[in-house]
Amino acid sequence: MLAVRRHLARLALQADPQTLQALTGEYAKGAEHPARVHPFRKTYEELEVGETLWTHRRTVTEADIALFAHLSWDHFYAHTDEIAAKESLFGRRVAHGYFVLSAAAGLFVDPAPGPVLANYGLEGLRFLEPVGAGDTLQARLTVKRKRPRDAKTGVVEWAVEVVNQERKPVATYTVLTLVARKGEGEPA
């Protein structure tokens, strides 16, 4: 009976993405709007669900792959053995998935101190396409959801999509950050 009740309690909302986003307070694909200021420069209250930043681009090199293998100690054949990699399902040497993740962070992080205080977690990571030397990466960072944590911080969930030079997604995930809230007495 509990399962039947839960099934009957489900609701399907259909509307354009902007309306769905306004109703739910959660990001709806298609309701993005460009960030005028880098989102990492904004406090929790200033960030808007759907606010999106497209980063600059970065081309992956053979040196990137070799240096990441050395740094991480991940010497899996698909990253380090040219002959074995050619015979693999990839057909060539490929970058580590965690290199792609790290490179994306390097593309969207604003290095100066600011309201974004720390990474809080990572969810739903998927590597969708192989990335090799010569591929160019770009990341799209979108405010997906916000929730207060305490009086000083909030948790912001960011939808991240990393694409290659053909705008084909190579990785998707949600990164959670702790973001400073405006202090009492500050202008809203």
N, C-alpha and C. Protein backbone atom coordinates (compact mmCIF):
# COMPACT_ATOMS: atom_id res chain seq x y z
N MET A 1 0.82 -1.19 0.00
CA MET A 1 0.00 0.00 0.00
C MET A 1 0.86 1.26 0.00
N LEU A 2 1.97 1.21 0.73
CA LEU A 2 2.84 2.37 0.78
C LEU A 2 3.37 2.70 -0.62
N ALA A 3 3.75 1.67 -1.35
CA ALA A 3 4.25 1.89 -2.72
C ALA A 3 3.16 2.46 -3.61
N VAL A 4 1.94 1.97 -3.48
CA VAL A 4 0.82 2.48 -4.27
C VAL A 4 0.56 3.94 -3.93
N ARG A 5 0.57 4.28 -2.65
CA ARG A 5 0.34 5.68 -2.24
C ARG A 5 1.42 6.60 -2.80
N ARG A 6 2.67 6.15 -2.73
CA ARG A 6 3.76 6.98 -3.27
C ARG A 6 3.59 7.16 -4.77
N HIS A 7 3.21 6.09 -5.45
CA HIS A 7 3.01 6.20 -6.89
C HIS A 7 1.89 7.19 -7.21
N LEU A 8 0.82 7.13 -6.48
CA LEU A 8 -0.31 8.02 -6.72
C LEU A 8 0.01 9.47 -6.35
N ALA A 9 0.99 9.67 -5.49
CA ALA A 9 1.35 11.02 -5.05
C ALA A 9 2.28 11.72 -6.04
N ARG A 10 2.74 11.02 -7.06
CA ARG A 10 3.65 11.64 -8.02
C ARG A 10 2.90 12.67 -8.85
N LEU A 11 3.64 13.67 -9.28
CA LEU A 11 3.05 14.76 -10.03
C LEU A 11 3.98 15.08 -11.19
N ALA A 12 3.42 15.32 -12.32
CA ALA A 12 4.21 15.71 -13.49
C ALA A 12 3.85 17.14 -13.87
N LEU A 13 4.86 18.00 -13.87
CA LEU A 13 4.66 19.38 -14.30
C LEU A 13 5.18 19.53 -15.71
N GLN A 14 4.39 20.18 -16.55
CA GLN A 14 4.84 20.45 -17.90
C GLN A 14 4.69 21.93 -18.15
N ALA A 15 5.80 22.54 -18.58
CA ALA A 15 5.79 23.96 -18.90
C ALA A 15 7.11 24.28 -19.58
N ASP A 16 7.25 25.50 -20.05
CA ASP A 16 8.53 25.89 -20.63
C ASP A 16 9.58 25.93 -19.51
N PRO A 17 10.86 25.81 -19.85
CA PRO A 17 11.91 25.71 -18.83
C PRO A 17 11.93 26.89 -17.85
N GLN A 18 11.68 28.11 -18.32
CA GLN A 18 11.71 29.27 -17.43
C GLN A 18 10.61 29.17 -16.37
N THR A 19 9.42 28.73 -16.77
CA THR A 19 8.32 28.60 -15.83
C THR A 19 8.61 27.49 -14.81
N LEU A 20 9.10 26.34 -15.29
CA LEU A 20 9.44 25.24 -14.38
C LEU A 20 10.50 25.69 -13.37
N GLN A 21 11.51 26.42 -13.85
CA GLN A 21 12.56 26.89 -12.96
C GLN A 21 12.00 27.85 -11.92
N ALA A 22 11.11 28.74 -12.34
CA ALA A 22 10.51 29.70 -11.41
C ALA A 22 9.63 28.97 -10.37
N LEU A 23 8.91 27.95 -10.79
CA LEU A 23 8.03 27.22 -9.88
C LEU A 23 8.79 26.36 -8.87
N THR A 24 9.86 25.71 -9.33
CA THR A 24 10.56 24.75 -8.48
C THR A 24 11.75 25.35 -7.74
N GLY A 25 12.28 26.46 -8.24
CA GLY A 25 13.50 27.01 -7.64
C GLY A 25 14.73 26.20 -7.96
N GLU A 26 14.61 25.28 -8.93
CA GLU A 26 15.72 24.44 -9.36
C GLU A 26 15.95 24.66 -10.85
N TYR A 27 17.20 24.51 -11.25
CA TYR A 27 17.60 24.69 -12.64
C TYR A 27 16.83 23.76 -13.57
N ALA A 28 16.31 24.31 -14.65
CA ALA A 28 15.66 23.54 -15.70
C ALA A 28 16.44 23.78 -16.99
N LYS A 29 16.95 22.72 -17.59
CA LYS A 29 17.74 22.86 -18.82
C LYS A 29 16.94 23.65 -19.84
N GLY A 30 17.58 24.66 -20.41
CA GLY A 30 16.92 25.53 -21.37
C GLY A 30 16.55 26.88 -20.76
N ALA A 31 16.69 27.02 -19.44
CA ALA A 31 16.34 28.28 -18.77
C ALA A 31 17.59 29.02 -18.29
N GLU A 32 18.72 28.76 -18.95
CA GLU A 32 19.96 29.42 -18.56
C GLU A 32 19.91 30.90 -18.93
N HIS A 33 20.62 31.69 -18.17
CA HIS A 33 20.86 33.08 -18.55
C HIS A 33 22.30 33.41 -18.21
N PRO A 34 22.96 34.19 -19.08
CA PRO A 34 24.40 34.42 -18.90
C PRO A 34 24.72 35.21 -17.64
N ALA A 35 25.81 34.83 -17.01
CA ALA A 35 26.31 35.56 -15.84
C ALA A 35 27.00 36.83 -16.33
N ARG A 36 26.64 37.95 -15.74
CA ARG A 36 27.27 39.23 -16.10
C ARG A 36 28.60 39.41 -15.35
N VAL A 37 28.65 38.82 -14.17
CA VAL A 37 29.85 38.83 -13.33
C VAL A 37 30.17 37.37 -13.04
N HIS A 38 31.46 37.05 -12.94
CA HIS A 38 31.81 35.66 -12.63
C HIS A 38 31.04 35.23 -11.38
N PRO A 39 30.31 34.11 -11.45
CA PRO A 39 29.47 33.69 -10.32
C PRO A 39 30.24 33.46 -9.02
N PHE A 40 31.53 33.16 -9.09
CA PHE A 40 32.31 32.96 -7.87
C PHE A 40 32.60 34.28 -7.16
N ARG A 41 32.23 35.40 -7.75
CA ARG A 41 32.39 36.72 -7.14
C ARG A 41 31.12 37.13 -6.41
N LYS A 42 30.08 36.30 -6.43
CA LYS A 42 28.78 36.65 -5.85
C LYS A 42 28.53 35.89 -4.56
N THR A 43 27.82 36.56 -3.64
CA THR A 43 27.41 35.90 -2.40
C THR A 43 26.25 34.95 -2.69
N TYR A 44 25.95 34.14 -1.71
CA TYR A 44 24.84 33.19 -1.81
C TYR A 44 23.56 33.88 -2.27
N GLU A 45 23.22 35.00 -1.65
CA GLU A 45 21.96 35.70 -1.98
C GLU A 45 21.98 36.28 -3.38
N GLU A 46 23.14 36.65 -3.89
CA GLU A 46 23.24 37.27 -5.21
C GLU A 46 23.16 36.27 -6.36
N LEU A 47 23.47 35.02 -6.09
CA LEU A 47 23.43 33.99 -7.14
C LEU A 47 22.00 33.66 -7.51
N GLU A 48 21.76 33.50 -8.81
CA GLU A 48 20.42 33.16 -9.30
C GLU A 48 20.44 31.78 -9.94
N VAL A 49 19.43 30.98 -9.64
CA VAL A 49 19.30 29.67 -10.28
C VAL A 49 19.21 29.90 -11.79
N GLY A 50 19.98 29.14 -12.55
CA GLY A 50 19.99 29.26 -14.01
C GLY A 50 21.11 30.15 -14.53
N GLU A 51 21.75 30.89 -13.64
CA GLU A 51 22.87 31.75 -14.04
C GLU A 51 24.00 30.88 -14.57
N THR A 52 24.51 31.21 -15.75
CA THR A 52 25.44 30.33 -16.45
C THR A 52 26.69 31.07 -16.91
N LEU A 53 27.82 30.41 -16.75
CA LEU A 53 29.10 30.92 -17.23
C LEU A 53 29.70 29.92 -18.20
N TRP A 54 30.02 30.37 -19.41
CA TRP A 54 30.84 29.58 -20.34
C TRP A 54 32.27 30.04 -20.15
N THR A 55 33.18 29.10 -19.94
CA THR A 55 34.58 29.44 -19.69
C THR A 55 35.33 29.66 -21.00
N HIS A 56 36.59 30.06 -20.86
CA HIS A 56 37.48 30.07 -22.01
C HIS A 56 37.82 28.62 -22.34
N ARG A 57 38.62 28.40 -23.36
CA ARG A 57 38.94 27.03 -23.82
C ARG A 57 40.38 26.66 -23.43
N ARG A 58 40.62 25.34 -23.41
CA ARG A 58 41.95 24.81 -23.09
C ARG A 58 42.18 23.57 -23.93
N THR A 59 43.30 23.54 -24.64
CA THR A 59 43.64 22.39 -25.47
C THR A 59 44.53 21.44 -24.69
N VAL A 60 44.16 20.17 -24.70
CA VAL A 60 44.90 19.12 -23.99
C VAL A 60 46.13 18.74 -24.80
N THR A 61 47.25 18.58 -24.12
CA THR A 61 48.51 18.20 -24.78
C THR A 61 48.99 16.83 -24.31
N GLU A 62 49.93 16.26 -25.07
CA GLU A 62 50.57 15.01 -24.65
C GLU A 62 51.24 15.21 -23.29
N ALA A 63 51.85 16.37 -23.11
CA ALA A 63 52.52 16.66 -21.83
C ALA A 63 51.52 16.66 -20.67
N ASP A 64 50.31 17.19 -20.89
CA ASP A 64 49.28 17.17 -19.84
C ASP A 64 49.02 15.74 -19.38
N ILE A 65 48.86 14.84 -20.34
CA ILE A 65 48.53 13.45 -20.03
C ILE A 65 49.70 12.79 -19.28
N ALA A 66 50.91 12.99 -19.78
CA ALA A 66 52.10 12.39 -19.15
C ALA A 66 52.31 12.96 -17.74
N LEU A 67 52.18 14.27 -17.59
CA LEU A 67 52.40 14.89 -16.28
C LEU A 67 51.33 14.47 -15.27
N PHE A 68 50.07 14.33 -15.74
CA PHE A 68 49.02 13.90 -14.82
C PHE A 68 49.26 12.46 -14.38
N ALA A 69 49.71 11.60 -15.29
CA ALA A 69 50.04 10.22 -14.93
C ALA A 69 51.14 10.20 -13.87
N HIS A 70 52.15 11.05 -14.06
CA HIS A 70 53.25 11.12 -13.10
C HIS A 70 52.76 11.65 -11.75
N LEU A 71 51.97 12.70 -11.78
CA LEU A 71 51.48 13.33 -10.54
C LEU A 71 50.53 12.41 -9.77
N SER A 72 49.63 11.74 -10.48
CA SER A 72 48.60 10.92 -9.83
C SER A 72 49.04 9.48 -9.57
N TRP A 73 50.10 9.05 -10.21
CA TRP A 73 50.57 7.67 -10.18
C TRP A 73 49.60 6.73 -10.89
N ASP A 74 48.75 7.28 -11.71
CA ASP A 74 47.80 6.47 -12.49
C ASP A 74 48.44 6.21 -13.85
N HIS A 75 49.03 5.02 -13.99
CA HIS A 75 49.73 4.66 -15.22
C HIS A 75 48.95 3.61 -16.01
N PHE A 76 47.64 3.70 -15.97
CA PHE A 76 46.78 2.78 -16.73
C PHE A 76 47.18 2.85 -18.21
N TYR A 77 47.17 1.71 -18.88
CA TYR A 77 47.70 1.63 -20.25
C TYR A 77 47.03 2.61 -21.21
N ALA A 78 45.75 2.90 -21.03
CA ALA A 78 45.05 3.79 -21.98
C ALA A 78 45.60 5.22 -21.92
N HIS A 79 46.32 5.54 -20.84
CA HIS A 79 46.89 6.88 -20.69
C HIS A 79 48.39 6.91 -21.02
N THR A 80 49.06 5.76 -20.90
CA THR A 80 50.53 5.79 -20.95
C THR A 80 51.16 4.88 -21.99
N ASP A 81 50.43 3.93 -22.52
CA ASP A 81 51.02 2.96 -23.46
C ASP A 81 50.40 3.17 -24.84
N GLU A 82 51.14 3.84 -25.72
CA GLU A 82 50.64 4.20 -27.05
C GLU A 82 50.15 2.98 -27.84
N ILE A 83 50.93 1.91 -27.83
CA ILE A 83 50.58 0.72 -28.63
C ILE A 83 49.33 0.05 -28.07
N ALA A 84 49.29 -0.20 -26.76
CA ALA A 84 48.12 -0.83 -26.16
C ALA A 84 46.89 0.05 -26.30
N ALA A 85 47.05 1.35 -26.17
CA ALA A 85 45.91 2.27 -26.29
C ALA A 85 45.33 2.24 -27.70
N LYS A 86 46.20 2.12 -28.72
CA LYS A 86 45.71 2.05 -30.11
C LYS A 86 44.85 0.81 -30.33
N GLU A 87 45.15 -0.26 -29.59
CA GLU A 87 44.39 -1.51 -29.73
C GLU A 87 43.16 -1.55 -28.81
N SER A 88 42.98 -0.50 -28.00
CA SER A 88 41.85 -0.46 -27.07
C SER A 88 40.61 0.09 -27.75
N LEU A 89 39.53 0.15 -27.02
CA LEU A 89 38.29 0.69 -27.57
C LEU A 89 38.40 2.18 -27.90
N PHE A 90 39.42 2.87 -27.34
CA PHE A 90 39.61 4.29 -27.61
C PHE A 90 40.35 4.54 -28.92
N GLY A 91 41.23 3.61 -29.31
CA GLY A 91 41.97 3.75 -30.55
C GLY A 91 43.14 4.72 -30.47
N ARG A 92 43.37 5.28 -29.31
CA ARG A 92 44.47 6.23 -29.09
C ARG A 92 44.66 6.41 -27.59
N ARG A 93 45.78 7.04 -27.22
CA ARG A 93 45.98 7.38 -25.82
C ARG A 93 44.97 8.45 -25.44
N VAL A 94 44.43 8.34 -24.23
CA VAL A 94 43.42 9.30 -23.78
C VAL A 94 43.83 9.91 -22.44
N ALA A 95 43.28 11.08 -22.18
CA ALA A 95 43.53 11.75 -20.91
C ALA A 95 42.76 11.04 -19.81
N HIS A 96 43.26 11.13 -18.61
CA HIS A 96 42.59 10.59 -17.42
C HIS A 96 41.27 11.35 -17.23
N GLY A 97 40.23 10.66 -16.82
CA GLY A 97 38.96 11.33 -16.52
C GLY A 97 39.15 12.38 -15.45
N TYR A 98 39.99 12.08 -14.45
CA TYR A 98 40.21 13.04 -13.37
C TYR A 98 41.05 14.23 -13.83
N PHE A 99 41.81 14.06 -14.90
CA PHE A 99 42.47 15.22 -15.49
C PHE A 99 41.41 16.14 -16.09
N VAL A 100 40.44 15.56 -16.80
CA VAL A 100 39.36 16.36 -17.40
C VAL A 100 38.62 17.13 -16.30
N LEU A 101 38.33 16.45 -15.20
CA LEU A 101 37.67 17.08 -14.05
C LEU A 101 38.52 18.23 -13.50
N SER A 102 39.81 17.99 -13.33
CA SER A 102 40.72 19.02 -12.81
C SER A 102 40.86 20.18 -13.78
N ALA A 103 40.98 19.87 -15.07
CA ALA A 103 41.10 20.93 -16.07
C ALA A 103 39.84 21.79 -16.09
N ALA A 104 38.68 21.16 -15.95
CA ALA A 104 37.42 21.93 -15.92
C ALA A 104 37.41 22.86 -14.72
N ALA A 105 37.84 22.39 -13.56
CA ALA A 105 37.90 23.25 -12.38
C ALA A 105 38.82 24.42 -12.64
N GLY A 106 39.95 24.17 -13.29
CA GLY A 106 40.86 25.25 -13.63
C GLY A 106 40.24 26.26 -14.57
N LEU A 107 39.31 25.82 -15.40
CA LEU A 107 38.64 26.73 -16.33
C LEU A 107 37.61 27.61 -15.64
N PHE A 108 36.87 27.06 -14.66
CA PHE A 108 35.79 27.86 -14.09
C PHE A 108 36.07 28.50 -12.75
N VAL A 109 37.10 28.09 -12.04
CA VAL A 109 37.39 28.66 -10.72
C VAL A 109 37.95 30.07 -10.88
N ASP A 110 37.46 30.98 -10.05
CA ASP A 110 38.02 32.32 -9.96
C ASP A 110 39.02 32.27 -8.81
N PRO A 111 40.33 32.51 -9.07
CA PRO A 111 41.34 32.26 -8.04
C PRO A 111 41.38 33.24 -6.87
N ALA A 112 40.81 34.42 -7.03
CA ALA A 112 40.90 35.42 -5.96
C ALA A 112 40.00 35.02 -4.79
N PRO A 113 40.37 35.42 -3.56
CA PRO A 113 39.47 35.16 -2.42
C PRO A 113 38.11 35.80 -2.68
N GLY A 114 37.08 35.13 -2.28
CA GLY A 114 35.74 35.67 -2.51
C GLY A 114 34.70 34.89 -1.76
N PRO A 115 33.46 35.07 -2.15
CA PRO A 115 32.34 34.44 -1.44
C PRO A 115 32.32 32.91 -1.55
N VAL A 116 32.86 32.33 -2.64
CA VAL A 116 32.92 30.87 -2.73
C VAL A 116 34.08 30.44 -1.85
N LEU A 117 33.75 29.68 -0.80
CA LEU A 117 34.73 29.36 0.24
C LEU A 117 35.42 28.02 0.05
N ALA A 118 34.69 27.01 -0.44
CA ALA A 118 35.28 25.67 -0.55
C ALA A 118 34.38 24.76 -1.36
N ASN A 119 34.99 23.73 -1.96
CA ASN A 119 34.20 22.65 -2.54
C ASN A 119 33.62 21.84 -1.39
N TYR A 120 32.40 21.39 -1.56
CA TYR A 120 31.68 20.69 -0.51
C TYR A 120 31.37 19.25 -0.92
N GLY A 121 31.41 19.00 -2.23
CA GLY A 121 31.12 17.66 -2.70
C GLY A 121 31.01 17.62 -4.21
N LEU A 122 30.86 16.40 -4.71
CA LEU A 122 30.75 16.15 -6.14
C LEU A 122 29.74 15.02 -6.32
N GLU A 123 28.80 15.20 -7.23
CA GLU A 123 27.76 14.18 -7.41
C GLU A 123 27.54 13.91 -8.90
N GLY A 124 27.13 12.69 -9.18
CA GLY A 124 26.67 12.33 -10.52
C GLY A 124 27.71 12.44 -11.62
N LEU A 125 28.98 12.22 -11.31
CA LEU A 125 30.04 12.37 -12.31
C LEU A 125 29.94 11.28 -13.37
N ARG A 126 29.94 11.72 -14.63
CA ARG A 126 29.95 10.79 -15.76
C ARG A 126 30.96 11.27 -16.79
N PHE A 127 31.82 10.36 -17.26
CA PHE A 127 32.73 10.65 -18.35
C PHE A 127 32.06 10.08 -19.61
N LEU A 128 31.70 10.94 -20.53
CA LEU A 128 30.84 10.55 -21.65
C LEU A 128 31.59 10.23 -22.94
N GLU A 129 32.70 10.91 -23.15
CA GLU A 129 33.49 10.73 -24.37
C GLU A 129 34.97 10.78 -24.00
N PRO A 130 35.80 10.01 -24.70
CA PRO A 130 37.24 10.09 -24.42
C PRO A 130 37.81 11.43 -24.87
N VAL A 131 38.83 11.87 -24.17
CA VAL A 131 39.53 13.12 -24.49
C VAL A 131 40.99 12.76 -24.72
N GLY A 132 41.53 13.22 -25.82
CA GLY A 132 42.93 12.95 -26.12
C GLY A 132 43.71 14.22 -26.38
N ALA A 133 45.00 14.07 -26.60
CA ALA A 133 45.84 15.21 -26.94
C ALA A 133 45.30 15.84 -28.22
N GLY A 134 45.22 17.16 -28.20
CA GLY A 134 44.69 17.90 -29.35
C GLY A 134 43.23 18.28 -29.19
N ASP A 135 42.52 17.64 -28.26
CA ASP A 135 41.13 18.02 -28.01
C ASP A 135 41.10 19.31 -27.20
N THR A 136 40.12 20.13 -27.46
CA THR A 136 39.97 21.40 -26.75
C THR A 136 38.75 21.34 -25.85
N LEU A 137 38.94 21.67 -24.59
CA LEU A 137 37.87 21.60 -23.59
C LEU A 137 37.34 22.98 -23.24
N GLN A 138 36.06 23.03 -22.94
CA GLN A 138 35.40 24.23 -22.43
C GLN A 138 34.35 23.76 -21.45
N ALA A 139 34.09 24.54 -20.41
CA ALA A 139 33.12 24.13 -19.39
C ALA A 139 31.98 25.14 -19.30
N ARG A 140 30.80 24.61 -19.02
CA ARG A 140 29.63 25.44 -18.73
C ARG A 140 29.25 25.18 -17.28
N LEU A 141 29.18 26.24 -16.50
CA LEU A 141 28.88 26.19 -15.07
C LEU A 141 27.56 26.91 -14.85
N THR A 142 26.57 26.19 -14.29
CA THR A 142 25.23 26.76 -14.11
C THR A 142 24.78 26.56 -12.66
N VAL A 143 24.24 27.62 -12.05
CA VAL A 143 23.67 27.49 -10.71
C VAL A 143 22.44 26.59 -10.84
N LYS A 144 22.52 25.45 -10.17
CA LYS A 144 21.47 24.43 -10.27
C LYS A 144 20.46 24.53 -9.13
N ARG A 145 20.96 24.73 -7.94
CA ARG A 145 20.10 24.74 -6.75
C ARG A 145 20.87 25.43 -5.62
N LYS A 146 20.14 26.05 -4.71
CA LYS A 146 20.74 26.70 -3.54
C LYS A 146 19.96 26.29 -2.30
N ARG A 147 20.69 26.15 -1.19
CA ARG A 147 20.02 25.91 0.09
C ARG A 147 20.87 26.50 1.20
N PRO A 148 20.25 27.17 2.16
CA PRO A 148 21.02 27.72 3.28
C PRO A 148 21.63 26.59 4.11
N ARG A 149 22.81 26.82 4.62
CA ARG A 149 23.46 25.82 5.50
C ARG A 149 23.41 26.29 6.94
N ASP A 150 23.79 27.55 7.15
CA ASP A 150 23.73 28.17 8.47
C ASP A 150 23.66 29.68 8.25
N ALA A 151 23.84 30.46 9.29
CA ALA A 151 23.72 31.92 9.17
C ALA A 151 24.84 32.53 8.32
N LYS A 152 25.96 31.83 8.19
CA LYS A 152 27.10 32.40 7.47
C LYS A 152 27.33 31.82 6.08
N THR A 153 26.80 30.62 5.82
CA THR A 153 27.07 29.97 4.53
C THR A 153 25.82 29.32 3.94
N GLY A 154 25.88 29.14 2.65
CA GLY A 154 24.86 28.37 1.93
C GLY A 154 25.57 27.36 1.05
N VAL A 155 24.84 26.33 0.64
CA VAL A 155 25.36 25.34 -0.29
C VAL A 155 24.79 25.66 -1.65
N VAL A 156 25.67 25.80 -2.64
CA VAL A 156 25.24 26.03 -4.00
C VAL A 156 25.65 24.82 -4.83
N GLU A 157 24.67 24.26 -5.54
CA GLU A 157 24.93 23.14 -6.45
C GLU A 157 25.06 23.72 -7.85
N TRP A 158 26.13 23.35 -8.52
CA TRP A 158 26.43 23.84 -9.87
C TRP A 158 26.37 22.67 -10.84
N ALA A 159 25.60 22.82 -11.90
CA ALA A 159 25.62 21.84 -12.99
C ALA A 159 26.84 22.17 -13.84
N VAL A 160 27.70 21.17 -14.04
CA VAL A 160 28.89 21.37 -14.87
C VAL A 160 28.80 20.45 -16.07
N GLU A 161 29.02 21.03 -17.23
CA GLU A 161 29.11 20.25 -18.47
C GLU A 161 30.42 20.64 -19.14
N VAL A 162 31.27 19.64 -19.38
CA VAL A 162 32.53 19.87 -20.07
C VAL A 162 32.34 19.37 -21.50
N VAL A 163 32.64 20.24 -22.46
CA VAL A 163 32.46 19.89 -23.87
C VAL A 163 33.80 19.95 -24.60
N ASN A 164 33.85 19.26 -25.76
CA ASN A 164 35.06 19.31 -26.58
C ASN A 164 34.88 20.36 -27.69
N GLN A 165 35.81 20.40 -28.61
CA GLN A 165 35.80 21.40 -29.68
C GLN A 165 34.57 21.29 -30.59
N GLU A 166 33.89 20.18 -30.57
CA GLU A 166 32.67 20.00 -31.36
C GLU A 166 31.42 20.28 -30.53
N ARG A 167 31.61 20.81 -29.32
CA ARG A 167 30.54 21.06 -28.34
C ARG A 167 29.84 19.77 -27.92
N LYS A 168 30.54 18.67 -28.05
CA LYS A 168 30.04 17.37 -27.62
C LYS A 168 30.40 17.19 -26.15
N PRO A 169 29.43 16.86 -25.28
CA PRO A 169 29.75 16.68 -23.86
C PRO A 169 30.72 15.53 -23.65
N VAL A 170 31.78 15.80 -22.86
CA VAL A 170 32.74 14.76 -22.51
C VAL A 170 32.63 14.38 -21.04
N ALA A 171 32.06 15.26 -20.22
CA ALA A 171 31.86 14.97 -18.80
C ALA A 171 30.73 15.85 -18.26
N THR A 172 29.94 15.29 -17.36
CA THR A 172 28.90 16.06 -16.67
C THR A 172 28.92 15.68 -15.20
N TYR A 173 28.60 16.64 -14.35
CA TYR A 173 28.54 16.38 -12.92
C TYR A 173 27.95 17.58 -12.20
N THR A 174 27.71 17.41 -10.92
CA THR A 174 27.26 18.49 -10.05
C THR A 174 28.35 18.71 -9.01
N VAL A 175 28.82 19.95 -8.89
CA VAL A 175 29.78 20.29 -7.85
C VAL A 175 29.06 21.16 -6.83
N LEU A 176 29.28 20.84 -5.55
CA LEU A 176 28.67 21.60 -4.46
C LEU A 176 29.73 22.50 -3.84
N THR A 177 29.36 23.74 -3.57
CA THR A 177 30.30 24.66 -2.93
C THR A 177 29.64 25.30 -1.72
N LEU A 178 30.49 25.67 -0.76
CA LEU A 178 30.04 26.49 0.36
C LEU A 178 30.27 27.94 -0.06
N VAL A 179 29.21 28.75 0.06
CA VAL A 179 29.27 30.14 -0.38
C VAL A 179 28.86 31.04 0.78
N ALA A 180 29.63 32.10 0.98
CA ALA A 180 29.33 33.03 2.07
C ALA A 180 28.00 33.74 1.84
N ARG A 181 27.27 33.91 2.93
CA ARG A 181 26.02 34.67 2.90
C ARG A 181 26.34 36.11 3.29
N LYS A 182 25.48 37.03 2.87
CA LYS A 182 25.67 38.42 3.25
C LYS A 182 25.50 38.55 4.75
N GLY A 183 26.36 39.33 5.37
CA GLY A 183 26.28 39.54 6.81
C GLY A 183 25.14 40.48 7.16
N GLU A 184 24.74 40.45 8.41
CA GLU A 184 23.68 41.33 8.86
C GLU A 184 24.16 42.78 8.72
N GLY A 185 23.27 43.64 8.32
CA GLY A 185 23.60 45.04 8.16
C GLY A 185 24.19 45.40 6.82
N GLU A 186 24.52 44.39 5.97
CA GLU A 186 25.02 44.67 4.64
C GLU A 186 23.86 44.91 3.71
N PRO A 187 24.05 45.72 2.67
CA PRO A 187 22.96 45.95 1.73
C PRO A 187 22.59 44.67 0.99
N ALA A 188 21.32 44.49 0.70
CA ALA A 188 20.86 43.27 0.03
C ALA A 188 21.13 43.30 -1.44
